[in-house]
Amino acid sequence: MKSITYGEVSFSGMCKLIKNYISKNKTQEYKITVGTDSQNYDITKVVIVVAIWIVGKGGIFFYDIKKVNKIINIRQKLFYETSLSIEMATKLSSYFNKDNKKYDISIHVDAGNNGASSSVIPEIVGWVKGCGFNCNTKPDSYAASSIANRYSK
């Protein structure tokens, strides 16, 4: 994973940084979100983001970039993006559960009620919730539609 604040870090390094960041702000409300976005070129560039937001105070985020064979079908692309987000959120939950830490992790999906992606929202939201995570779509999916979008271009 990469961070504009901490540079290149391993997964466990990222988790330790997240725990330290949250422990410094124990009285603050915080949100941990995972979101993925992708853009098509001659390949599909996929960016997964883990964002930690201290509500009203800003936050930090980590991202990773993958390049995969071009995914043209919007439905397949959204399901692939969501699968990566669920996988990351599950890994984060497992890591934090080892220390008996229960963090509320939400998944942000780059789909909204307007446009081609609107038809898959009920399926994707149901899938994410079935995996035990809260789910946000546009316009409330900043980890995917803002942060990941910026790095996927």
C-alpha atoms as a PDB file:
ATOM      1  CA  MET A   1       0.000   0.000   0.000  1.00  0.00           C
ATOM      2  CA  LYS A   2       1.071   3.584  -0.567  1.00  0.00           C
ATOM      3  CA  SER A   3       0.368   6.705   1.432  1.00  0.00           C
ATOM      4  CA  ILE A   4       1.079  10.343   0.699  1.00  0.00           C
ATOM      5  CA  THR A   5       1.738  10.701   4.435  1.00  0.00           C
ATOM      6  CA  TYR A   6       3.765   7.542   5.169  1.00  0.00           C
ATOM      7  CA  GLY A   7       5.082   6.371   1.777  1.00  0.00           C
ATOM      8  CA  GLU A   8       5.180   2.676   0.883  1.00  0.00           C
ATOM      9  CA  VAL A   9       3.933   0.386   3.685  1.00  0.00           C
ATOM     10  CA  SER A  10       3.058  -3.282   4.059  1.00  0.00           C
ATOM     11  CA  PHE A  11      -0.467  -4.379   4.925  1.00  0.00           C
ATOM     12  CA  SER A  12       0.460  -4.970   8.581  1.00  0.00           C
ATOM     13  CA  GLY A  13       2.341  -1.664   8.624  1.00  0.00           C
ATOM     14  CA  MET A  14      -0.776   0.094   7.358  1.00  0.00           C
ATOM     15  CA  CYS A  15      -2.894  -1.560  10.057  1.00  0.00           C
ATOM     16  CA  LYS A  16      -0.463  -0.466  12.781  1.00  0.00           C
ATOM     17  CA  LEU A  17      -0.519   3.093  11.444  1.00  0.00           C
ATOM     18  CA  ILE A  18      -4.338   3.033  11.450  1.00  0.00           C
ATOM     19  CA  LYS A  19      -4.448   1.807  15.064  1.00  0.00           C
ATOM     20  CA  ASN A  20      -1.950   4.474  16.142  1.00  0.00           C
ATOM     21  CA  TYR A  21      -3.836   7.186  14.262  1.00  0.00           C
ATOM     22  CA  ILE A  22      -7.123   6.243  15.901  1.00  0.00           C
ATOM     23  CA  SER A  23      -5.584   5.823  19.371  1.00  0.00           C
ATOM     24  CA  LYS A  24      -4.289   9.419  19.252  1.00  0.00           C
ATOM     25  CA  ASN A  25      -7.861  10.631  18.703  1.00  0.00           C
ATOM     26  CA  LYS A  26      -9.851   8.451  21.116  1.00  0.00           C
ATOM     27  CA  THR A  27     -12.404  11.151  21.900  1.00  0.00           C
ATOM     28  CA  GLN A  28     -13.081  11.874  18.224  1.00  0.00           C
ATOM     29  CA  GLU A  29     -15.554  10.123  15.951  1.00  0.00           C
ATOM     30  CA  TYR A  30     -13.789   8.356  13.100  1.00  0.00           C
ATOM     31  CA  LYS A  31     -14.781   6.355  10.049  1.00  0.00           C
ATOM     32  CA  ILE A  32     -12.819   3.637   8.273  1.00  0.00           C
ATOM     33  CA  THR A  33     -13.825   3.167   4.659  1.00  0.00           C
ATOM     34  CA  VAL A  34     -12.673   0.982   1.814  1.00  0.00           C
ATOM     35  CA  GLY A  35     -13.419   1.916  -1.775  1.00  0.00           C
ATOM     36  CA  THR A  36     -12.283   0.916  -5.235  1.00  0.00           C
ATOM     37  CA  ASP A  37     -12.489   2.611  -8.622  1.00  0.00           C
ATOM     38  CA  SER A  38     -11.106   1.747 -12.032  1.00  0.00           C
ATOM     39  CA  GLN A  39     -10.500   3.346 -15.406  1.00  0.00           C
ATOM     40  CA  ASN A  40     -10.083   1.674 -18.760  1.00  0.00           C
ATOM     41  CA  TYR A  41      -7.044   2.285 -20.913  1.00  0.00           C
ATOM     42  CA  ASP A  42      -5.431  -0.499 -22.940  1.00  0.00           C
ATOM     43  CA  ILE A  43      -5.768  -2.297 -19.586  1.00  0.00           C
ATOM     44  CA  THR A  44      -8.008  -1.587 -16.606  1.00  0.00           C
ATOM     45  CA  LYS A  45      -6.259   0.414 -13.889  1.00  0.00           C
ATOM     46  CA  VAL A  46      -7.806  -0.434 -10.520  1.00  0.00           C
ATOM     47  CA  VAL A  47      -7.216   1.576  -7.343  1.00  0.00           C
ATOM     48  CA  ILE A  48      -8.253   0.366  -3.905  1.00  0.00           C
ATOM     49  CA  VAL A  49      -8.334   2.877  -1.041  1.00  0.00           C
ATOM     50  CA  VAL A  50      -8.440   2.526   2.739  1.00  0.00           C
ATOM     51  CA  ALA A  51      -9.413   5.880   4.261  1.00  0.00           C
ATOM     52  CA  ILE A  52      -9.533   6.869   7.928  1.00  0.00           C
ATOM     53  CA  TRP A  53     -11.484  10.053   8.548  1.00  0.00           C
ATOM     54  CA  ILE A  54     -11.569  11.820  11.890  1.00  0.00           C
ATOM     55  CA  VAL A  55     -14.976  13.435  11.447  1.00  0.00           C
ATOM     56  CA  GLY A  56     -14.610  17.180  11.129  1.00  0.00           C
ATOM     57  CA  LYS A  57     -10.802  17.013  11.295  1.00  0.00           C
ATOM     58  CA  GLY A  58      -9.560  15.389   8.080  1.00  0.00           C
ATOM     59  CA  GLY A  59      -7.822  12.069   7.824  1.00  0.00           C
ATOM     60  CA  ILE A  60      -5.330   9.791   6.152  1.00  0.00           C
ATOM     61  CA  PHE A  61      -5.610   7.218   3.406  1.00  0.00           C
ATOM     62  CA  PHE A  62      -3.693   4.387   1.804  1.00  0.00           C
ATOM     63  CA  TYR A  63      -4.025   3.134  -1.750  1.00  0.00           C
ATOM     64  CA  ASP A  64      -2.854   0.350  -4.008  1.00  0.00           C
ATOM     65  CA  ILE A  65      -2.869   0.223  -7.805  1.00  0.00           C
ATOM     66  CA  LYS A  66      -3.464  -2.909  -9.869  1.00  0.00           C
ATOM     67  CA  LYS A  67      -3.451  -3.324 -13.622  1.00  0.00           C
ATOM     68  CA  VAL A  68      -5.651  -6.090 -15.003  1.00  0.00           C
ATOM     69  CA  ASN A  69      -6.915  -7.163 -18.388  1.00  0.00           C
ATOM     70  CA  LYS A  70      -9.382  -4.631 -19.731  1.00  0.00           C
ATOM     71  CA  ILE A  71     -12.888  -5.001 -18.261  1.00  0.00           C
ATOM     72  CA  ILE A  72     -15.384  -3.462 -20.649  1.00  0.00           C
ATOM     73  CA  ASN A  73     -18.673  -4.611 -19.128  1.00  0.00           C
ATOM     74  CA  ILE A  74     -19.770  -2.053 -16.468  1.00  0.00           C
ATOM     75  CA  ARG A  75     -21.531  -4.713 -14.394  1.00  0.00           C
ATOM     76  CA  GLN A  76     -18.444  -6.939 -14.303  1.00  0.00           C
ATOM     77  CA  LYS A  77     -16.251  -3.957 -13.499  1.00  0.00           C
ATOM     78  CA  LEU A  78     -18.410  -2.874 -10.536  1.00  0.00           C
ATOM     79  CA  PHE A  79     -18.563  -6.408  -9.172  1.00  0.00           C
ATOM     80  CA  TYR A  80     -14.776  -6.746  -9.509  1.00  0.00           C
ATOM     81  CA  GLU A  81     -14.221  -3.409  -7.750  1.00  0.00           C
ATOM     82  CA  THR A  82     -16.621  -4.424  -4.981  1.00  0.00           C
ATOM     83  CA  SER A  83     -14.971  -7.828  -4.556  1.00  0.00           C
ATOM     84  CA  LEU A  84     -11.604  -6.129  -3.998  1.00  0.00           C
ATOM     85  CA  SER A  85     -13.166  -3.778  -1.432  1.00  0.00           C
ATOM     86  CA  ILE A  86     -14.833  -6.660   0.417  1.00  0.00           C
ATOM     87  CA  GLU A  87     -11.572  -8.611   0.399  1.00  0.00           C
ATOM     88  CA  MET A  88      -9.653  -5.653   1.864  1.00  0.00           C
ATOM     89  CA  ALA A  89     -12.348  -4.876   4.461  1.00  0.00           C
ATOM     90  CA  THR A  90     -12.370  -8.545   5.512  1.00  0.00           C
ATOM     91  CA  LYS A  91      -8.576  -8.559   5.889  1.00  0.00           C
ATOM     92  CA  LEU A  92      -8.735  -5.361   7.954  1.00  0.00           C
ATOM     93  CA  SER A  93     -11.467  -6.801  10.196  1.00  0.00           C
ATOM     94  CA  SER A  94      -9.501 -10.008  10.726  1.00  0.00           C
ATOM     95  CA  TYR A  95      -6.342  -8.086  11.585  1.00  0.00           C
ATOM     96  CA  PHE A  96      -8.087  -5.812  14.079  1.00  0.00           C
ATOM     97  CA  ASN A  97     -10.087  -8.670  15.623  1.00  0.00           C
ATOM     98  CA  LYS A  98      -6.794 -10.349  16.646  1.00  0.00           C
ATOM     99  CA  ASP A  99      -6.354  -7.483  19.112  1.00  0.00           C
ATOM    100  CA  ASN A 100     -10.032  -7.558  20.121  1.00  0.00           C
ATOM    101  CA  LYS A 101     -10.520  -4.236  18.345  1.00  0.00           C
ATOM    102  CA  LYS A 102     -13.923  -3.770  16.736  1.00  0.00           C
ATOM    103  CA  TYR A 103     -13.763  -1.043  14.136  1.00  0.00           C
ATOM    104  CA  ASP A 104     -16.770  -0.130  12.053  1.00  0.00           C
ATOM    105  CA  ILE A 105     -15.644  -0.506   8.439  1.00  0.00           C
ATOM    106  CA  SER A 106     -17.779   0.723   5.540  1.00  0.00           C
ATOM    107  CA  ILE A 107     -17.413  -0.053   1.876  1.00  0.00           C
ATOM    108  CA  HIS A 108     -17.840   2.719  -0.664  1.00  0.00           C
ATOM    109  CA  VAL A 109     -19.057   1.702  -4.109  1.00  0.00           C
ATOM    110  CA  ASP A 110     -18.534   3.876  -7.178  1.00  0.00           C
ATOM    111  CA  ALA A 111     -22.135   3.515  -8.347  1.00  0.00           C
ATOM    112  CA  GLY A 112     -25.007   5.974  -8.225  1.00  0.00           C
ATOM    113  CA  ASN A 113     -28.689   6.222  -8.966  1.00  0.00           C
ATOM    114  CA  ASN A 114     -27.991   8.048 -12.237  1.00  0.00           C
ATOM    115  CA  GLY A 115     -26.350   6.286 -15.142  1.00  0.00           C
ATOM    116  CA  ALA A 116     -25.511   2.752 -16.196  1.00  0.00           C
ATOM    117  CA  SER A 117     -24.411   1.634 -12.742  1.00  0.00           C
ATOM    118  CA  SER A 118     -27.803   2.260 -11.105  1.00  0.00           C
ATOM    119  CA  SER A 119     -29.250  -1.129 -12.059  1.00  0.00           C
ATOM    120  CA  VAL A 120     -26.670  -3.088 -10.036  1.00  0.00           C
ATOM    121  CA  ILE A 121     -26.902  -1.061  -6.827  1.00  0.00           C
ATOM    122  CA  PRO A 122     -29.437  -3.318  -5.053  1.00  0.00           C
ATOM    123  CA  GLU A 123     -27.341  -6.430  -5.743  1.00  0.00           C
ATOM    124  CA  ILE A 124     -24.065  -4.840  -4.711  1.00  0.00           C
ATOM    125  CA  VAL A 125     -25.476  -3.221  -1.554  1.00  0.00           C
ATOM    126  CA  GLY A 126     -27.080  -6.543  -0.576  1.00  0.00           C
ATOM    127  CA  TRP A 127     -23.811  -8.390  -1.172  1.00  0.00           C
ATOM    128  CA  VAL A 128     -21.759  -5.909   0.881  1.00  0.00           C
ATOM    129  CA  LYS A 129     -24.272  -5.927   3.747  1.00  0.00           C
ATOM    130  CA  GLY A 130     -24.422  -9.731   3.586  1.00  0.00           C
ATOM    131  CA  CYS A 131     -20.662  -9.745   4.155  1.00  0.00           C
ATOM    132  CA  GLY A 132     -21.195  -7.697   7.328  1.00  0.00           C
ATOM    133  CA  PHE A 133     -20.205  -4.225   6.168  1.00  0.00           C
ATOM    134  CA  ASN A 134     -22.089  -0.968   5.755  1.00  0.00           C
ATOM    135  CA  CYS A 135     -22.315   0.206   2.164  1.00  0.00           C
ATOM    136  CA  ASN A 136     -22.369   3.711   0.694  1.00  0.00           C
ATOM    137  CA  THR A 137     -23.038   4.648  -2.921  1.00  0.00           C
ATOM    138  CA  LYS A 138     -22.735   7.975  -4.734  1.00  0.00           C
ATOM    139  CA  PRO A 139     -22.860  10.744  -3.643  1.00  0.00           C
ATOM    140  CA  ASP A 140     -21.759   9.364  -0.227  1.00  0.00           C
ATOM    141  CA  SER A 141     -18.958   7.090  -1.454  1.00  0.00           C
ATOM    142  CA  TYR A 142     -15.958   9.423  -1.210  1.00  0.00           C
ATOM    143  CA  ALA A 143     -13.351   6.641  -0.802  1.00  0.00           C
ATOM    144  CA  ALA A 144     -14.298   5.227  -4.216  1.00  0.00           C
ATOM    145  CA  SER A 145     -15.749   8.136  -6.166  1.00  0.00           C
ATOM    146  CA  SER A 146     -13.274  10.793  -5.000  1.00  0.00           C
ATOM    147  CA  ILE A 147     -10.006   9.369  -3.639  1.00  0.00           C
ATOM    148  CA  ALA A 148      -9.741   6.161  -5.709  1.00  0.00           C
ATOM    149  CA  ASN A 149     -11.083   8.003  -8.759  1.00  0.00           C
ATOM    150  CA  ARG A 150      -8.275  10.562  -8.521  1.00  0.00           C
ATOM    151  CA  TYR A 151      -5.565   7.877  -8.496  1.00  0.00           C
ATOM    152  CA  SER A 152      -7.179   5.737 -11.194  1.00  0.00           C
ATOM    153  CA  LYS A 153      -6.884   8.513 -13.797  1.00  0.00           C
END
